[in-house]
mmCIF file of all heavy atoms, coordinates in Angstrom:
data_MODEL
# 
_entry.id   MODEL 
# 
loop_
_atom_site.group_PDB 
_atom_site.id 
_atom_site.type_symbol 
_atom_site.label_atom_id 
_atom_site.label_alt_id 
_atom_site.label_comp_id 
_atom_site.label_asym_id 
_atom_site.label_entity_id 
_atom_site.label_seq_id 
_atom_site.pdbx_PDB_ins_code 
_atom_site.Cartn_x 
_atom_site.Cartn_y 
_atom_site.Cartn_z 
_atom_site.occupancy 
_atom_site.B_iso_or_equiv 
_atom_site.pdbx_formal_charge 
_atom_site.auth_seq_id 
_atom_site.auth_comp_id 
_atom_site.auth_asym_id 
_atom_site.auth_atom_id 
_atom_site.pdbx_PDB_model_num 
ATOM 1   N N   . ASN A 1 1  ? 0.827  -1.209  0.000   1.00 0.00 ? 1  ASN A N   1 
ATOM 2   C CA  . ASN A 1 1  ? 0.000  0.000   0.000   1.00 0.00 ? 1  ASN A CA  1 
ATOM 3   C C   . ASN A 1 1  ? 0.858  1.254   0.000   1.00 0.00 ? 1  ASN A C   1 
ATOM 4   O O   . ASN A 1 1  ? 0.563  2.217   -0.690  1.00 0.00 ? 1  ASN A O   1 
ATOM 5   C CB  . ASN A 1 1  ? -0.919 0.025   1.233   1.00 0.00 ? 1  ASN A CB  1 
ATOM 6   C CG  . ASN A 1 1  ? -2.070 -0.938  1.099   1.00 0.00 ? 1  ASN A CG  1 
ATOM 7   O OD1 . ASN A 1 1  ? -2.375 -1.405  0.020   1.00 0.00 ? 1  ASN A OD1 1 
ATOM 8   N ND2 . ASN A 1 1  ? -2.692 -1.252  2.209   1.00 0.00 ? 1  ASN A ND2 1 
ATOM 9   N N   . GLU A 1 2  ? 1.916  1.237   0.809   1.00 0.00 ? 2  GLU A N   1 
ATOM 10  C CA  . GLU A 1 2  ? 2.750  2.428   0.979   1.00 0.00 ? 2  GLU A CA  1 
ATOM 11  C C   . GLU A 1 2  ? 3.615  2.721   -0.233  1.00 0.00 ? 2  GLU A C   1 
ATOM 12  O O   . GLU A 1 2  ? 3.920  3.874   -0.502  1.00 0.00 ? 2  GLU A O   1 
ATOM 13  C CB  . GLU A 1 2  ? 3.646  2.273   2.214   1.00 0.00 ? 2  GLU A CB  1 
ATOM 14  C CG  . GLU A 1 2  ? 2.877  2.292   3.511   1.00 0.00 ? 2  GLU A CG  1 
ATOM 15  C CD  . GLU A 1 2  ? 3.739  1.924   4.709   1.00 0.00 ? 2  GLU A CD  1 
ATOM 16  O OE1 . GLU A 1 2  ? 4.961  1.732   4.544   1.00 0.00 ? 2  GLU A OE1 1 
ATOM 17  O OE2 . GLU A 1 2  ? 3.174  1.834   5.810   1.00 0.00 ? 2  GLU A OE2 1 
ATOM 18  N N   . THR A 1 3  ? 4.047  1.697   -0.956  1.00 0.00 ? 3  THR A N   1 
ATOM 19  C CA  . THR A 1 3  ? 4.968  1.923   -2.063  1.00 0.00 ? 3  THR A CA  1 
ATOM 20  C C   . THR A 1 3  ? 4.257  2.260   -3.369  1.00 0.00 ? 3  THR A C   1 
ATOM 21  O O   . THR A 1 3  ? 4.910  2.542   -4.363  1.00 0.00 ? 3  THR A O   1 
ATOM 22  C CB  . THR A 1 3  ? 5.905  0.714   -2.265  1.00 0.00 ? 3  THR A CB  1 
ATOM 23  O OG1 . THR A 1 3  ? 5.114  -0.453  -2.507  1.00 0.00 ? 3  THR A OG1 1 
ATOM 24  C CG2 . THR A 1 3  ? 6.792  0.506   -1.056  1.00 0.00 ? 3  THR A CG2 1 
ATOM 25  N N   . MET A 1 4  ? 2.946  2.218   -3.372  1.00 0.00 ? 4  MET A N   1 
ATOM 26  C CA  . MET A 1 4  ? 2.121  2.675   -4.483  1.00 0.00 ? 4  MET A CA  1 
ATOM 27  C C   . MET A 1 4  ? 2.595  2.183   -5.854  1.00 0.00 ? 4  MET A C   1 
ATOM 28  O O   . MET A 1 4  ? 2.895  2.962   -6.745  1.00 0.00 ? 4  MET A O   1 
ATOM 29  C CB  . MET A 1 4  ? 2.028  4.202   -4.491  1.00 0.00 ? 4  MET A CB  1 
ATOM 30  C CG  . MET A 1 4  ? 1.391  4.749   -3.245  1.00 0.00 ? 4  MET A CG  1 
ATOM 31  S SD  . MET A 1 4  ? 1.487  6.549   -3.157  1.00 0.00 ? 4  MET A SD  1 
ATOM 32  C CE  . MET A 1 4  ? 3.186  6.800   -2.665  1.00 0.00 ? 4  MET A CE  1 
ATOM 33  N N   . GLY A 1 5  ? 2.727  0.882   -5.990  1.00 0.00 ? 5  GLY A N   1 
ATOM 34  C CA  . GLY A 1 5  ? 3.057  0.309   -7.285  1.00 0.00 ? 5  GLY A CA  1 
ATOM 35  C C   . GLY A 1 5  ? 4.538  0.300   -7.621  1.00 0.00 ? 5  GLY A C   1 
ATOM 36  O O   . GLY A 1 5  ? 4.911  -0.099  -8.716  1.00 0.00 ? 5  GLY A O   1 
ATOM 37  N N   . ARG A 1 6  ? 5.386  0.714   -6.688  1.00 0.00 ? 6  ARG A N   1 
ATOM 38  C CA  . ARG A 1 6  ? 6.819  0.700   -6.984  1.00 0.00 ? 6  ARG A CA  1 
ATOM 39  C C   . ARG A 1 6  ? 7.421  -0.683  -6.822  1.00 0.00 ? 6  ARG A C   1 
ATOM 40  O O   . ARG A 1 6  ? 8.511  -0.948  -7.292  1.00 0.00 ? 6  ARG A O   1 
ATOM 41  C CB  . ARG A 1 6  ? 7.577  1.673   -6.076  1.00 0.00 ? 6  ARG A CB  1 
ATOM 42  C CG  . ARG A 1 6  ? 7.320  3.112   -6.406  1.00 0.00 ? 6  ARG A CG  1 
ATOM 43  C CD  . ARG A 1 6  ? 8.273  4.041   -5.705  1.00 0.00 ? 6  ARG A CD  1 
ATOM 44  N NE  . ARG A 1 6  ? 8.166  3.933   -4.251  1.00 0.00 ? 6  ARG A NE  1 
ATOM 45  C CZ  . ARG A 1 6  ? 8.978  4.558   -3.408  1.00 0.00 ? 6  ARG A CZ  1 
ATOM 46  N NH1 . ARG A 1 6  ? 9.948  5.314   -3.863  1.00 0.00 ? 6  ARG A NH1 1 
ATOM 47  N NH2 . ARG A 1 6  ? 8.816  4.430   -2.115  1.00 0.00 ? 6  ARG A NH2 1 
ATOM 48  N N   . GLY A 1 7  ? 6.720  -1.562  -6.115  1.00 0.00 ? 7  GLY A N   1 
ATOM 49  C CA  . GLY A 1 7  ? 7.259  -2.889  -5.881  1.00 0.00 ? 7  GLY A CA  1 
ATOM 50  C C   . GLY A 1 7  ? 8.380  -2.850  -4.868  1.00 0.00 ? 7  GLY A C   1 
ATOM 51  O O   . GLY A 1 7  ? 8.424  -2.005  -3.982  1.00 0.00 ? 7  GLY A O   1 
ATOM 52  N N   . CYS A 1 8  ? 9.326  -3.747  -5.022  1.00 0.00 ? 8  CYS A N   1 
ATOM 53  C CA  . CYS A 1 8  ? 10.471 -3.886  -4.120  1.00 0.00 ? 8  CYS A CA  1 
ATOM 54  C C   . CYS A 1 8  ? 11.725 -3.453  -4.884  1.00 0.00 ? 8  CYS A C   1 
ATOM 55  O O   . CYS A 1 8  ? 11.946 -3.897  -6.013  1.00 0.00 ? 8  CYS A O   1 
ATOM 56  C CB  . CYS A 1 8  ? 10.577 -5.359  -3.706  1.00 0.00 ? 8  CYS A CB  1 
ATOM 57  S SG  . CYS A 1 8  ? 12.107 -5.829  -2.896  1.00 0.00 ? 8  CYS A SG  1 
ATOM 58  N N   . LEU A 1 9  ? 12.521 -2.602  -4.286  1.00 0.00 ? 9  LEU A N   1 
ATOM 59  C CA  . LEU A 1 9  ? 13.732 -2.127  -4.963  1.00 0.00 ? 9  LEU A CA  1 
ATOM 60  C C   . LEU A 1 9  ? 14.638 -3.292  -5.354  1.00 0.00 ? 9  LEU A C   1 
ATOM 61  O O   . LEU A 1 9  ? 15.229 -3.279  -6.431  1.00 0.00 ? 9  LEU A O   1 
ATOM 62  C CB  . LEU A 1 9  ? 14.492 -1.124  -4.080  1.00 0.00 ? 9  LEU A CB  1 
ATOM 63  C CG  . LEU A 1 9  ? 15.792 -0.565  -4.660  1.00 0.00 ? 9  LEU A CG  1 
ATOM 64  C CD1 . LEU A 1 9  ? 15.563 0.138   -5.996  1.00 0.00 ? 9  LEU A CD1 1 
ATOM 65  C CD2 . LEU A 1 9  ? 16.453 0.371   -3.660  1.00 0.00 ? 9  LEU A CD2 1 
ATOM 66  N N   . MET A 1 10 ? 14.739 -4.301  -4.519  1.00 0.00 ? 10 MET A N   1 
ATOM 67  C CA  . MET A 1 10 ? 15.591 -5.451  -4.836  1.00 0.00 ? 10 MET A CA  1 
ATOM 68  C C   . MET A 1 10 ? 15.042 -6.242  -6.018  1.00 0.00 ? 10 MET A C   1 
ATOM 69  O O   . MET A 1 10 ? 15.781 -6.614  -6.927  1.00 0.00 ? 10 MET A O   1 
ATOM 70  C CB  . MET A 1 10 ? 15.739 -6.377  -3.630  1.00 0.00 ? 10 MET A CB  1 
ATOM 71  C CG  . MET A 1 10 ? 16.647 -5.863  -2.572  1.00 0.00 ? 10 MET A CG  1 
ATOM 72  S SD  . MET A 1 10 ? 18.352 -5.702  -3.151  1.00 0.00 ? 10 MET A SD  1 
ATOM 73  C CE  . MET A 1 10 ? 19.071 -4.974  -1.697  1.00 0.00 ? 10 MET A CE  1 
ATOM 74  N N   . VAL A 1 11 ? 13.741 -6.512  -6.001  1.00 0.00 ? 11 VAL A N   1 
ATOM 75  C CA  . VAL A 1 11 ? 13.125 -7.246  -7.111  1.00 0.00 ? 11 VAL A CA  1 
ATOM 76  C C   . VAL A 1 11 ? 13.254 -6.427  -8.388  1.00 0.00 ? 11 VAL A C   1 
ATOM 77  O O   . VAL A 1 11 ? 13.632 -6.951  -9.446  1.00 0.00 ? 11 VAL A O   1 
ATOM 78  C CB  . VAL A 1 11 ? 11.648 -7.586  -6.810  1.00 0.00 ? 11 VAL A CB  1 
ATOM 79  C CG1 . VAL A 1 11 ? 10.959 -8.158  -8.038  1.00 0.00 ? 11 VAL A CG1 1 
ATOM 80  C CG2 . VAL A 1 11 ? 11.556 -8.569  -5.647  1.00 0.00 ? 11 VAL A CG2 1 
ATOM 81  N N   . ASN A 1 12 ? 12.956 -5.135  -8.298  1.00 0.00 ? 12 ASN A N   1 
ATOM 82  C CA  . ASN A 1 12 ? 13.061 -4.267  -9.472  1.00 0.00 ? 12 ASN A CA  1 
ATOM 83  C C   . ASN A 1 12 ? 14.478 -4.286  -10.034 1.00 0.00 ? 12 ASN A C   1 
ATOM 84  O O   . ASN A 1 12 ? 14.677 -4.363  -11.255 1.00 0.00 ? 12 ASN A O   1 
ATOM 85  C CB  . ASN A 1 12 ? 12.683 -2.828  -9.113  1.00 0.00 ? 12 ASN A CB  1 
ATOM 86  C CG  . ASN A 1 12 ? 11.247 -2.683  -8.666  1.00 0.00 ? 12 ASN A CG  1 
ATOM 87  O OD1 . ASN A 1 12 ? 10.446 -3.604  -8.758  1.00 0.00 ? 12 ASN A OD1 1 
ATOM 88  N ND2 . ASN A 1 12 ? 10.924 -1.517  -8.145  1.00 0.00 ? 12 ASN A ND2 1 
ATOM 89  N N   . SER A 1 13 ? 15.457 -4.206  -9.151  1.00 0.00 ? 13 SER A N   1 
ATOM 90  C CA  . SER A 1 13 ? 16.860 -4.192  -9.588  1.00 0.00 ? 13 SER A CA  1 
ATOM 91  C C   . SER A 1 13 ? 17.247 -5.529  -10.207 1.00 0.00 ? 13 SER A C   1 
ATOM 92  O O   . SER A 1 13 ? 17.969 -5.574  -11.208 1.00 0.00 ? 13 SER A O   1 
ATOM 93  C CB  . SER A 1 13 ? 17.775 -3.872  -8.409  1.00 0.00 ? 13 SER A CB  1 
ATOM 94  O OG  . SER A 1 13 ? 17.467 -2.594  -7.899  1.00 0.00 ? 13 SER A OG  1 
ATOM 95  N N   . SER A 1 14 ? 16.765 -6.607  -9.621  1.00 0.00 ? 14 SER A N   1 
ATOM 96  C CA  . SER A 1 14 ? 17.042 -7.927  -10.169 1.00 0.00 ? 14 SER A CA  1 
ATOM 97  C C   . SER A 1 14 ? 16.471 -8.049  -11.576 1.00 0.00 ? 14 SER A C   1 
ATOM 98  O O   . SER A 1 14 ? 17.127 -8.563  -12.486 1.00 0.00 ? 14 SER A O   1 
ATOM 99  C CB  . SER A 1 14 ? 16.441 -9.001  -9.258  1.00 0.00 ? 14 SER A CB  1 
ATOM 100 O OG  . SER A 1 14 ? 16.698 -10.272 -9.765  1.00 0.00 ? 14 SER A OG  1 
ATOM 101 N N   . LEU A 1 15 ? 15.263 -7.546  -11.769 1.00 0.00 ? 15 LEU A N   1 
ATOM 102 C CA  . LEU A 1 15 ? 14.642 -7.598  -13.092 1.00 0.00 ? 15 LEU A CA  1 
ATOM 103 C C   . LEU A 1 15 ? 15.351 -6.667  -14.071 1.00 0.00 ? 15 LEU A C   1 
ATOM 104 O O   . LEU A 1 15 ? 15.493 -6.987  -15.254 1.00 0.00 ? 15 LEU A O   1 
ATOM 105 C CB  . LEU A 1 15 ? 13.156 -7.247  -12.995 1.00 0.00 ? 15 LEU A CB  1 
ATOM 106 C CG  . LEU A 1 15 ? 12.296 -8.253  -12.217 1.00 0.00 ? 15 LEU A CG  1 
ATOM 107 C CD1 . LEU A 1 15 ? 10.890 -7.718  -12.020 1.00 0.00 ? 15 LEU A CD1 1 
ATOM 108 C CD2 . LEU A 1 15 ? 12.278 -9.601  -12.916 1.00 0.00 ? 15 LEU A CD2 1 
ATOM 109 N N   . GLU A 1 16 ? 15.801 -5.513  -13.592 1.00 0.00 ? 16 GLU A N   1 
ATOM 110 C CA  . GLU A 1 16 ? 16.477 -4.554  -14.467 1.00 0.00 ? 16 GLU A CA  1 
ATOM 111 C C   . GLU A 1 16 ? 17.856 -5.048  -14.908 1.00 0.00 ? 16 GLU A C   1 
ATOM 112 O O   . GLU A 1 16 ? 18.237 -4.910  -16.065 1.00 0.00 ? 16 GLU A O   1 
ATOM 113 C CB  . GLU A 1 16 ? 16.625 -3.200  -13.757 1.00 0.00 ? 16 GLU A CB  1 
ATOM 114 C CG  . GLU A 1 16 ? 17.270 -2.132  -14.613 1.00 0.00 ? 16 GLU A CG  1 
ATOM 115 C CD  . GLU A 1 16 ? 17.319 -0.754  -13.963 1.00 0.00 ? 16 GLU A CD  1 
ATOM 116 O OE1 . GLU A 1 16 ? 16.894 -0.602  -12.789 1.00 0.00 ? 16 GLU A OE1 1 
ATOM 117 O OE2 . GLU A 1 16 ? 17.779 0.168   -14.630 1.00 0.00 ? 16 GLU A OE2 1 
ATOM 118 N N   . PHE A 1 17 ? 18.621 -5.653  -13.999 1.00 0.00 ? 17 PHE A N   1 
ATOM 119 C CA  . PHE A 1 17 ? 19.983 -6.057  -14.304 1.00 0.00 ? 17 PHE A CA  1 
ATOM 120 C C   . PHE A 1 17 ? 20.114 -7.504  -14.734 1.00 0.00 ? 17 PHE A C   1 
ATOM 121 O O   . PHE A 1 17 ? 21.113 -7.878  -15.337 1.00 0.00 ? 17 PHE A O   1 
ATOM 122 C CB  . PHE A 1 17 ? 20.891 -5.813  -13.084 1.00 0.00 ? 17 PHE A CB  1 
ATOM 123 C CG  . PHE A 1 17 ? 21.239 -4.377  -12.884 1.00 0.00 ? 17 PHE A CG  1 
ATOM 124 C CD1 . PHE A 1 17 ? 20.415 -3.549  -12.140 1.00 0.00 ? 17 PHE A CD1 1 
ATOM 125 C CD2 . PHE A 1 17 ? 22.393 -3.844  -13.431 1.00 0.00 ? 17 PHE A CD2 1 
ATOM 126 C CE1 . PHE A 1 17 ? 20.728 -2.216  -11.946 1.00 0.00 ? 17 PHE A CE1 1 
ATOM 127 C CE2 . PHE A 1 17 ? 22.720 -2.511  -13.243 1.00 0.00 ? 17 PHE A CE2 1 
ATOM 128 C CZ  . PHE A 1 17 ? 21.892 -1.694  -12.500 1.00 0.00 ? 17 PHE A CZ  1 
ATOM 129 N N   . GLY A 1 18 ? 19.131 -8.341  -14.399 1.00 0.00 ? 18 GLY A N   1 
ATOM 130 C CA  . GLY A 1 18 ? 19.257 -9.763  -14.690 1.00 0.00 ? 18 GLY A CA  1 
ATOM 131 C C   . GLY A 1 18 ? 20.458 -10.340 -13.959 1.00 0.00 ? 18 GLY A C   1 
ATOM 132 O O   . GLY A 1 18 ? 20.740 -9.970  -12.832 1.00 0.00 ? 18 GLY A O   1 
ATOM 133 N N   . CYS A 1 19 ? 21.191 -11.194 -14.615 1.00 0.00 ? 19 CYS A N   1 
ATOM 134 C CA  . CYS A 1 19 ? 22.387 -11.805 -14.011 1.00 0.00 ? 19 CYS A CA  1 
ATOM 135 C C   . CYS A 1 19 ? 23.665 -11.113 -14.464 1.00 0.00 ? 19 CYS A C   1 
ATOM 136 O O   . CYS A 1 19 ? 24.756 -11.637 -14.281 1.00 0.00 ? 19 CYS A O   1 
ATOM 137 C CB  . CYS A 1 19 ? 22.453 -13.285 -14.393 1.00 0.00 ? 19 CYS A CB  1 
ATOM 138 S SG  . CYS A 1 19 ? 21.061 -14.234 -13.775 1.00 0.00 ? 19 CYS A SG  1 
ATOM 139 N N   . ASN A 1 20 ? 23.533 -9.948  -15.077 1.00 0.00 ? 20 ASN A N   1 
ATOM 140 C CA  . ASN A 1 20 ? 24.670 -9.310  -15.721 1.00 0.00 ? 20 ASN A CA  1 
ATOM 141 C C   . ASN A 1 20 ? 25.551 -8.464  -14.814 1.00 0.00 ? 20 ASN A C   1 
ATOM 142 O O   . ASN A 1 20 ? 26.572 -7.973  -15.270 1.00 0.00 ? 20 ASN A O   1 
ATOM 143 C CB  . ASN A 1 20 ? 24.190 -8.438  -16.893 1.00 0.00 ? 20 ASN A CB  1 
ATOM 144 C CG  . ASN A 1 20 ? 23.481 -9.263  -17.942 1.00 0.00 ? 20 ASN A CG  1 
ATOM 145 O OD1 . ASN A 1 20 ? 23.822 -10.414 -18.154 1.00 0.00 ? 20 ASN A OD1 1 
ATOM 146 N ND2 . ASN A 1 20 ? 22.495 -8.685  -18.580 1.00 0.00 ? 20 ASN A ND2 1 
ATOM 147 N N   . ASP A 1 21 ? 25.174 -8.254  -13.583 1.00 0.00 ? 21 ASP A N   1 
ATOM 148 C CA  . ASP A 1 21 ? 25.958 -7.390  -12.715 1.00 0.00 ? 21 ASP A CA  1 
ATOM 149 C C   . ASP A 1 21 ? 26.224 -8.099  -11.390 1.00 0.00 ? 21 ASP A C   1 
ATOM 150 O O   . ASP A 1 21 ? 25.315 -8.284  -10.581 1.00 0.00 ? 21 ASP A O   1 
ATOM 151 C CB  . ASP A 1 21 ? 25.225 -6.067  -12.480 1.00 0.00 ? 21 ASP A CB  1 
ATOM 152 C CG  . ASP A 1 21 ? 26.098 -5.053  -11.788 1.00 0.00 ? 21 ASP A CG  1 
ATOM 153 O OD1 . ASP A 1 21 ? 26.541 -5.325  -10.651 1.00 0.00 ? 21 ASP A OD1 1 
ATOM 154 O OD2 . ASP A 1 21 ? 26.330 -3.982  -12.377 1.00 0.00 ? 21 ASP A OD2 1 
ATOM 155 N N   . GLU A 1 22 ? 27.460 -8.469  -11.179 1.00 0.00 ? 22 GLU A N   1 
ATOM 156 C CA  . GLU A 1 22 ? 27.825 -9.265  -10.003 1.00 0.00 ? 22 GLU A CA  1 
ATOM 157 C C   . GLU A 1 22 ? 27.538 -8.543  -8.691  1.00 0.00 ? 22 GLU A C   1 
ATOM 158 O O   . GLU A 1 22 ? 27.048 -9.150  -7.735  1.00 0.00 ? 22 GLU A O   1 
ATOM 159 C CB  . GLU A 1 22 ? 29.317 -9.623  -10.088 1.00 0.00 ? 22 GLU A CB  1 
ATOM 160 C CG  . GLU A 1 22 ? 29.778 -10.592 -9.039  1.00 0.00 ? 22 GLU A CG  1 
ATOM 161 C CD  . GLU A 1 22 ? 31.235 -10.963 -9.207  1.00 0.00 ? 22 GLU A CD  1 
ATOM 162 O OE1 . GLU A 1 22 ? 31.637 -11.258 -10.352 1.00 0.00 ? 22 GLU A OE1 1 
ATOM 163 O OE2 . GLU A 1 22 ? 31.948 -10.955 -8.199  1.00 0.00 ? 22 GLU A OE2 1 
ATOM 164 N N   . GLU A 1 23 ? 27.833 -7.250  -8.622  1.00 0.00 ? 23 GLU A N   1 
ATOM 165 C CA  . GLU A 1 23 ? 27.638 -6.513  -7.368  1.00 0.00 ? 23 GLU A CA  1 
ATOM 166 C C   . GLU A 1 23 ? 26.157 -6.321  -7.044  1.00 0.00 ? 23 GLU A C   1 
ATOM 167 O O   . GLU A 1 23 ? 25.747 -6.454  -5.887  1.00 0.00 ? 23 GLU A O   1 
ATOM 168 C CB  . GLU A 1 23 ? 28.352 -5.161  -7.426  1.00 0.00 ? 23 GLU A CB  1 
ATOM 169 C CG  . GLU A 1 23 ? 29.867 -5.308  -7.402  1.00 0.00 ? 23 GLU A CG  1 
ATOM 170 C CD  . GLU A 1 23 ? 30.566 -3.988  -7.600  1.00 0.00 ? 23 GLU A CD  1 
ATOM 171 O OE1 . GLU A 1 23 ? 30.417 -3.393  -8.679  1.00 0.00 ? 23 GLU A OE1 1 
ATOM 172 O OE2 . GLU A 1 23 ? 31.251 -3.560  -6.646  1.00 0.00 ? 23 GLU A OE2 1 
ATOM 173 N N   . VAL A 1 24 ? 25.353 -6.035  -8.047  1.00 0.00 ? 24 VAL A N   1 
ATOM 174 C CA  . VAL A 1 24 ? 23.912 -5.919  -7.829  1.00 0.00 ? 24 VAL A CA  1 
ATOM 175 C C   . VAL A 1 24 ? 23.359 -7.272  -7.419  1.00 0.00 ? 24 VAL A C   1 
ATOM 176 O O   . VAL A 1 24 ? 22.589 -7.379  -6.454  1.00 0.00 ? 24 VAL A O   1 
ATOM 177 C CB  . VAL A 1 24 ? 23.190 -5.370  -9.085  1.00 0.00 ? 24 VAL A CB  1 
ATOM 178 C CG1 . VAL A 1 24 ? 21.674 -5.457  -8.917  1.00 0.00 ? 24 VAL A CG1 1 
ATOM 179 C CG2 . VAL A 1 24 ? 23.620 -3.937  -9.368  1.00 0.00 ? 24 VAL A CG2 1 
ATOM 180 N N   . ASN A 1 25 ? 23.761 -8.320  -8.113  1.00 0.00 ? 25 ASN A N   1 
ATOM 181 C CA  . ASN A 1 25 ? 23.290 -9.668  -7.781  1.00 0.00 ? 25 ASN A CA  1 
ATOM 182 C C   . ASN A 1 25 ? 23.675 -10.067 -6.365  1.00 0.00 ? 25 ASN A C   1 
ATOM 183 O O   . ASN A 1 25 ? 22.912 -10.736 -5.686  1.00 0.00 ? 25 ASN A O   1 
ATOM 184 C CB  . ASN A 1 25 ? 23.830 -10.700 -8.779  1.00 0.00 ? 25 ASN A CB  1 
ATOM 185 C CG  . ASN A 1 25 ? 23.067 -10.672 -10.087 1.00 0.00 ? 25 ASN A CG  1 
ATOM 186 O OD1 . ASN A 1 25 ? 21.904 -10.288 -10.119 1.00 0.00 ? 25 ASN A OD1 1 
ATOM 187 N ND2 . ASN A 1 25 ? 23.731 -11.050 -11.158 1.00 0.00 ? 25 ASN A ND2 1 
# 
């Protein structure tokens, strides 16, 4: 409710970077 459709920063980052960034992963 509080994040108003932003989801989770970790999930979003995982989807944005995929497996291509070791530090993000």
